[in-house]
């Protein structure tokens, strides 16, 4: 799981509403956990996306062990789960590790 360093935000239950729902740009949120190997494998891809789309896309991560409410409210059962929010609403959902090309294909149309 990403640590919030670089351009990837660490979001908690307390900051989810402000940083994700109230964001001015689309937000790709990874729901994961420190113990999750696919989450760790996804971390460099998320960092790349945050740098490549800086200003057009916010990339964030939620540790479901530390902040379970946001994940529970979305019915997230598997890790990692990625949810793309646009205008405060979820518009795409990915479950499990996703290669960068697949993420780009689904995210790019929402970044007009």
N, C-alpha and C. Protein backbone atom coordinates (compact mmCIF):
# COMPACT_ATOMS: atom_id res chain seq x y z
N UNK A 1 0.84 -1.19 0.00
CA UNK A 1 0.00 0.00 0.00
C UNK A 1 0.87 1.23 0.00
N UNK A 2 0.42 2.27 -0.64
CA UNK A 2 1.19 3.50 -0.68
C UNK A 2 1.20 4.15 0.69
N UNK A 3 2.21 4.95 0.91
CA UNK A 3 2.37 5.53 2.23
C UNK A 3 1.98 6.98 2.32
N UNK A 4 1.56 7.58 1.21
CA UNK A 4 1.21 8.98 1.25
C UNK A 4 2.38 9.86 0.88
N UNK A 5 3.54 9.28 0.59
CA UNK A 5 4.69 10.06 0.16
C UNK A 5 4.51 10.46 -1.29
N UNK A 6 5.26 11.44 -1.72
CA UNK A 6 5.14 11.87 -3.11
C UNK A 6 3.80 12.52 -3.36
N UNK A 7 3.14 12.11 -4.41
CA UNK A 7 1.90 12.75 -4.83
C UNK A 7 0.65 11.99 -4.41
N UNK A 8 0.79 10.81 -3.84
CA UNK A 8 -0.36 10.01 -3.44
C UNK A 8 -0.79 10.44 -2.03
N UNK A 9 -2.04 10.84 -1.90
CA UNK A 9 -2.56 11.27 -0.60
C UNK A 9 -2.96 10.08 0.25
N UNK A 10 -2.73 10.19 1.53
CA UNK A 10 -3.28 9.22 2.47
C UNK A 10 -4.55 9.82 3.03
N UNK A 11 -5.66 9.11 2.86
CA UNK A 11 -6.97 9.59 3.29
C UNK A 11 -7.48 8.67 4.39
N UNK A 12 -8.12 9.26 5.38
CA UNK A 12 -8.69 8.49 6.49
C UNK A 12 -10.20 8.67 6.51
N UNK A 13 -10.85 7.95 7.40
CA UNK A 13 -12.29 8.13 7.56
C UNK A 13 -12.61 9.60 7.85
N UNK A 14 -11.75 10.25 8.63
CA UNK A 14 -11.99 11.63 9.03
C UNK A 14 -11.83 12.62 7.87
N UNK A 15 -10.99 12.30 6.89
CA UNK A 15 -10.73 13.24 5.80
C UNK A 15 -11.35 12.81 4.47
N UNK A 16 -12.01 11.66 4.42
CA UNK A 16 -12.53 11.12 3.17
C UNK A 16 -13.52 12.07 2.50
N UNK A 17 -14.47 12.58 3.25
CA UNK A 17 -15.50 13.46 2.70
C UNK A 17 -14.86 14.69 2.05
N UNK A 18 -13.94 15.31 2.73
CA UNK A 18 -13.32 16.55 2.23
C UNK A 18 -12.40 16.28 1.06
N UNK A 19 -11.52 15.28 1.18
CA UNK A 19 -10.49 15.05 0.18
C UNK A 19 -10.95 14.26 -1.04
N UNK A 20 -12.00 13.48 -0.90
CA UNK A 20 -12.47 12.66 -2.02
C UNK A 20 -13.80 13.19 -2.55
N UNK A 21 -14.82 13.19 -1.72
CA UNK A 21 -16.16 13.61 -2.17
C UNK A 21 -16.16 15.09 -2.57
N UNK A 22 -15.46 15.91 -1.81
CA UNK A 22 -15.45 17.35 -2.08
C UNK A 22 -14.32 17.82 -2.97
N UNK A 23 -13.58 16.92 -3.57
CA UNK A 23 -12.43 17.31 -4.40
C UNK A 23 -12.89 17.99 -5.68
N UNK A 24 -12.09 18.90 -6.17
CA UNK A 24 -12.39 19.61 -7.40
C UNK A 24 -12.00 18.86 -8.66
N UNK A 25 -11.22 17.81 -8.52
CA UNK A 25 -10.79 16.99 -9.65
C UNK A 25 -11.22 15.55 -9.40
N UNK A 26 -11.24 14.72 -10.44
CA UNK A 26 -11.49 13.29 -10.20
C UNK A 26 -10.45 12.73 -9.22
N UNK A 27 -10.88 11.75 -8.43
CA UNK A 27 -10.01 11.13 -7.43
C UNK A 27 -10.04 9.62 -7.61
N UNK A 28 -8.87 9.03 -7.78
CA UNK A 28 -8.73 7.58 -7.80
C UNK A 28 -8.31 7.14 -6.41
N UNK A 29 -9.17 6.37 -5.75
CA UNK A 29 -8.91 5.95 -4.37
C UNK A 29 -8.61 4.46 -4.35
N UNK A 30 -7.47 4.12 -3.76
CA UNK A 30 -7.12 2.72 -3.53
C UNK A 30 -7.49 2.38 -2.10
N UNK A 31 -8.36 1.39 -1.94
CA UNK A 31 -8.67 0.85 -0.62
C UNK A 31 -7.80 -0.38 -0.45
N UNK A 32 -6.90 -0.36 0.51
CA UNK A 32 -5.96 -1.45 0.68
C UNK A 32 -5.54 -1.58 2.13
N UNK A 33 -4.43 -2.30 2.34
CA UNK A 33 -3.89 -2.51 3.68
C UNK A 33 -2.40 -2.80 3.56
N UNK A 34 -1.66 -2.49 4.61
CA UNK A 34 -0.22 -2.66 4.60
C UNK A 34 0.19 -4.12 4.40
N UNK A 35 -0.63 -5.05 4.83
CA UNK A 35 -0.29 -6.48 4.74
C UNK A 35 -0.64 -7.08 3.38
N UNK A 36 -1.20 -6.32 2.46
CA UNK A 36 -1.74 -6.81 1.19
C UNK A 36 -0.68 -6.74 0.08
N UNK A 37 -0.13 -7.90 -0.37
CA UNK A 37 0.89 -7.87 -1.42
C UNK A 37 0.43 -7.22 -2.74
N UNK A 38 -0.79 -7.48 -3.24
CA UNK A 38 -1.19 -6.78 -4.47
C UNK A 38 -1.28 -5.26 -4.29
N UNK A 39 -1.60 -4.83 -3.07
CA UNK A 39 -1.64 -3.39 -2.79
C UNK A 39 -0.24 -2.79 -2.91
N UNK A 40 0.73 -3.49 -2.37
CA UNK A 40 2.13 -3.02 -2.46
C UNK A 40 2.60 -3.02 -3.90
N UNK A 41 2.18 -4.01 -4.70
CA UNK A 41 2.57 -4.06 -6.11
C UNK A 41 1.93 -2.92 -6.90
N UNK A 42 0.79 -2.46 -6.47
CA UNK A 42 0.07 -1.38 -7.15
C UNK A 42 0.65 -0.01 -6.82
N UNK A 43 1.34 0.11 -5.70
CA UNK A 43 1.83 1.41 -5.23
C UNK A 43 2.66 2.18 -6.27
N UNK A 44 3.62 1.56 -6.97
CA UNK A 44 4.39 2.34 -7.94
C UNK A 44 3.53 2.82 -9.12
N UNK A 45 2.53 2.05 -9.50
CA UNK A 45 1.64 2.46 -10.59
C UNK A 45 0.82 3.67 -10.16
N UNK A 46 0.33 3.65 -8.94
CA UNK A 46 -0.44 4.79 -8.43
C UNK A 46 0.42 6.04 -8.36
N UNK A 47 1.65 5.88 -7.95
CA UNK A 47 2.57 7.03 -7.88
C UNK A 47 2.80 7.59 -9.29
N UNK A 48 2.99 6.72 -10.27
CA UNK A 48 3.18 7.17 -11.65
C UNK A 48 1.95 7.93 -12.14
N UNK A 49 0.77 7.39 -11.89
CA UNK A 49 -0.46 8.06 -12.31
C UNK A 49 -0.60 9.43 -11.66
N UNK A 50 -0.25 9.52 -10.38
CA UNK A 50 -0.38 10.79 -9.68
C UNK A 50 0.55 11.84 -10.28
N UNK A 51 1.72 11.42 -10.74
CA UNK A 51 2.66 12.35 -11.35
C UNK A 51 2.24 12.71 -12.78
N UNK A 52 1.83 11.71 -13.56
CA UNK A 52 1.46 11.93 -14.95
C UNK A 52 0.22 12.80 -15.11
N UNK A 53 -0.71 12.70 -14.17
CA UNK A 53 -1.97 13.43 -14.27
C UNK A 53 -2.09 14.52 -13.21
N UNK A 54 -0.97 15.00 -12.72
CA UNK A 54 -0.97 16.02 -11.67
C UNK A 54 -1.81 17.22 -12.13
N UNK A 55 -2.73 17.65 -11.27
CA UNK A 55 -3.61 18.75 -11.59
C UNK A 55 -4.92 18.32 -12.25
N UNK A 56 -4.94 17.11 -12.82
CA UNK A 56 -6.16 16.60 -13.48
C UNK A 56 -6.77 15.43 -12.73
N UNK A 57 -5.97 14.75 -11.90
CA UNK A 57 -6.41 13.58 -11.15
C UNK A 57 -5.70 13.56 -9.81
N UNK A 58 -6.46 13.34 -8.76
CA UNK A 58 -5.87 13.13 -7.44
C UNK A 58 -5.86 11.63 -7.20
N UNK A 59 -4.73 11.12 -6.72
CA UNK A 59 -4.63 9.70 -6.38
C UNK A 59 -4.49 9.62 -4.86
N UNK A 60 -5.33 8.79 -4.26
CA UNK A 60 -5.37 8.68 -2.80
C UNK A 60 -5.43 7.22 -2.40
N UNK A 61 -5.07 6.98 -1.15
CA UNK A 61 -5.12 5.63 -0.61
C UNK A 61 -5.77 5.66 0.77
N UNK A 62 -6.55 4.63 1.05
CA UNK A 62 -7.20 4.47 2.35
C UNK A 62 -6.77 3.12 2.90
N UNK A 63 -6.17 3.12 4.09
CA UNK A 63 -5.83 1.87 4.77
C UNK A 63 -7.09 1.38 5.47
N UNK A 64 -7.65 0.30 4.97
CA UNK A 64 -8.93 -0.17 5.49
C UNK A 64 -8.85 -0.70 6.92
N UNK A 65 -7.64 -1.05 7.37
CA UNK A 65 -7.49 -1.47 8.76
C UNK A 65 -7.59 -0.26 9.69
N UNK A 66 -7.02 0.86 9.26
CA UNK A 66 -7.00 2.06 10.09
C UNK A 66 -8.27 2.90 9.90
N UNK A 67 -8.88 2.82 8.73
CA UNK A 67 -10.06 3.63 8.41
C UNK A 67 -11.11 2.75 7.71
N UNK A 68 -11.84 1.94 8.46
CA UNK A 68 -12.76 0.99 7.85
C UNK A 68 -14.10 1.56 7.39
N UNK A 69 -14.50 2.73 7.88
CA UNK A 69 -15.86 3.22 7.57
C UNK A 69 -16.08 3.51 6.10
N UNK A 70 -15.13 4.17 5.44
CA UNK A 70 -15.31 4.51 4.02
C UNK A 70 -15.46 3.24 3.19
N UNK A 71 -14.60 2.27 3.45
CA UNK A 71 -14.66 1.00 2.71
C UNK A 71 -15.97 0.27 2.99
N UNK A 72 -16.39 0.25 4.23
CA UNK A 72 -17.64 -0.43 4.58
C UNK A 72 -18.83 0.23 3.92
N UNK A 73 -18.82 1.55 3.83
CA UNK A 73 -19.95 2.25 3.24
C UNK A 73 -20.08 1.96 1.75
N UNK A 74 -18.98 1.54 1.11
CA UNK A 74 -19.00 1.20 -0.31
C UNK A 74 -19.14 -0.30 -0.55
N UNK A 75 -19.21 -1.07 0.52
CA UNK A 75 -19.35 -2.51 0.38
C UNK A 75 -18.09 -3.18 -0.15
N UNK A 76 -16.95 -2.61 0.14
CA UNK A 76 -15.69 -3.17 -0.36
C UNK A 76 -15.33 -4.41 0.43
N UNK A 77 -15.13 -5.51 -0.30
CA UNK A 77 -14.85 -6.80 0.32
C UNK A 77 -13.44 -7.30 0.01
N UNK A 78 -12.90 -6.94 -1.14
CA UNK A 78 -11.59 -7.44 -1.56
C UNK A 78 -10.58 -6.31 -1.67
N UNK A 79 -9.33 -6.64 -1.41
CA UNK A 79 -8.25 -5.66 -1.49
C UNK A 79 -7.23 -6.08 -2.54
N UNK A 80 -6.69 -5.15 -3.26
CA UNK A 80 -7.09 -3.75 -3.30
C UNK A 80 -8.36 -3.57 -4.13
N UNK A 81 -9.11 -2.56 -3.79
CA UNK A 81 -10.21 -2.10 -4.62
C UNK A 81 -9.92 -0.64 -4.94
N UNK A 82 -10.04 -0.29 -6.20
CA UNK A 82 -9.85 1.09 -6.61
C UNK A 82 -11.18 1.65 -7.07
N UNK A 83 -11.49 2.85 -6.62
CA UNK A 83 -12.73 3.51 -7.00
C UNK A 83 -12.37 4.89 -7.54
N UNK A 84 -12.86 5.19 -8.72
CA UNK A 84 -12.66 6.51 -9.32
C UNK A 84 -13.90 7.35 -9.03
N UNK A 85 -13.67 8.48 -8.37
CA UNK A 85 -14.73 9.44 -8.07
C UNK A 85 -14.63 10.61 -9.02
N UNK A 86 -15.78 11.04 -9.51
CA UNK A 86 -15.85 12.24 -10.33
C UNK A 86 -17.06 13.03 -9.85
N UNK A 87 -16.85 14.30 -9.57
CA UNK A 87 -17.92 15.16 -9.04
C UNK A 87 -18.55 14.55 -7.79
N UNK A 88 -17.73 13.93 -6.96
CA UNK A 88 -18.18 13.40 -5.69
C UNK A 88 -18.87 12.05 -5.72
N UNK A 89 -18.97 11.44 -6.92
CA UNK A 89 -19.66 10.15 -7.03
C UNK A 89 -18.75 9.10 -7.65
N UNK A 90 -18.86 7.84 -7.21
CA UNK A 90 -18.06 6.78 -7.83
C UNK A 90 -18.53 6.51 -9.25
N UNK A 91 -17.57 6.49 -10.20
CA UNK A 91 -17.91 6.26 -11.60
C UNK A 91 -17.26 5.00 -12.18
N UNK A 92 -16.22 4.51 -11.55
CA UNK A 92 -15.53 3.28 -11.98
C UNK A 92 -15.08 2.55 -10.73
N UNK A 93 -15.00 1.20 -10.84
CA UNK A 93 -14.52 0.38 -9.72
C UNK A 93 -13.69 -0.76 -10.29
N UNK A 94 -12.54 -1.00 -9.67
CA UNK A 94 -11.64 -2.08 -10.06
C UNK A 94 -11.34 -2.90 -8.82
N UNK A 95 -11.38 -4.21 -8.94
CA UNK A 95 -11.06 -5.08 -7.80
C UNK A 95 -9.82 -5.89 -8.14
N UNK A 96 -8.85 -5.88 -7.24
CA UNK A 96 -7.61 -6.61 -7.45
C UNK A 96 -6.57 -5.76 -8.17
N UNK A 97 -5.38 -6.31 -8.29
CA UNK A 97 -4.29 -5.62 -8.98
C UNK A 97 -4.70 -5.34 -10.42
N UNK A 98 -4.41 -4.15 -10.90
CA UNK A 98 -4.72 -3.77 -12.27
C UNK A 98 -3.45 -3.25 -12.94
N UNK A 99 -3.15 -3.71 -14.14
CA UNK A 99 -2.01 -3.15 -14.85
C UNK A 99 -2.29 -1.69 -15.23
N UNK A 100 -1.24 -0.94 -15.39
CA UNK A 100 -1.36 0.49 -15.68
C UNK A 100 -2.20 0.74 -16.93
N UNK A 101 -2.00 -0.04 -17.98
CA UNK A 101 -2.73 0.17 -19.23
C UNK A 101 -4.24 0.05 -19.03
N UNK A 102 -4.67 -0.90 -18.22
CA UNK A 102 -6.10 -1.08 -17.96
C UNK A 102 -6.66 0.10 -17.16
N UNK A 103 -5.90 0.57 -16.19
CA UNK A 103 -6.34 1.72 -15.41
C UNK A 103 -6.45 2.95 -16.31
N UNK A 104 -5.45 3.16 -17.16
CA UNK A 104 -5.47 4.31 -18.06
C UNK A 104 -6.68 4.29 -18.98
N UNK A 105 -7.01 3.11 -19.50
CA UNK A 105 -8.14 2.99 -20.43
C UNK A 105 -9.46 3.38 -19.77
N UNK A 106 -9.61 3.10 -18.50
CA UNK A 106 -10.86 3.41 -17.79
C UNK A 106 -10.88 4.81 -17.19
N UNK A 107 -9.71 5.32 -16.80
CA UNK A 107 -9.63 6.61 -16.13
C UNK A 107 -9.63 7.78 -17.11
N UNK A 108 -8.87 7.65 -18.18
CA UNK A 108 -8.64 8.76 -19.11
C UNK A 108 -9.93 9.42 -19.62
N UNK A 109 -10.98 8.66 -19.97
CA UNK A 109 -12.20 9.32 -20.44
C UNK A 109 -12.85 10.26 -19.41
N UNK A 110 -12.54 10.08 -18.13
CA UNK A 110 -13.13 10.90 -17.08
C UNK A 110 -12.30 12.15 -16.78
N UNK A 111 -11.20 12.33 -17.49
CA UNK A 111 -10.30 13.44 -17.20
C UNK A 111 -10.37 14.56 -18.23
N UNK A 112 -11.53 14.82 -18.75
CA UNK A 112 -11.69 15.84 -19.79
C UNK A 112 -11.19 17.21 -19.36
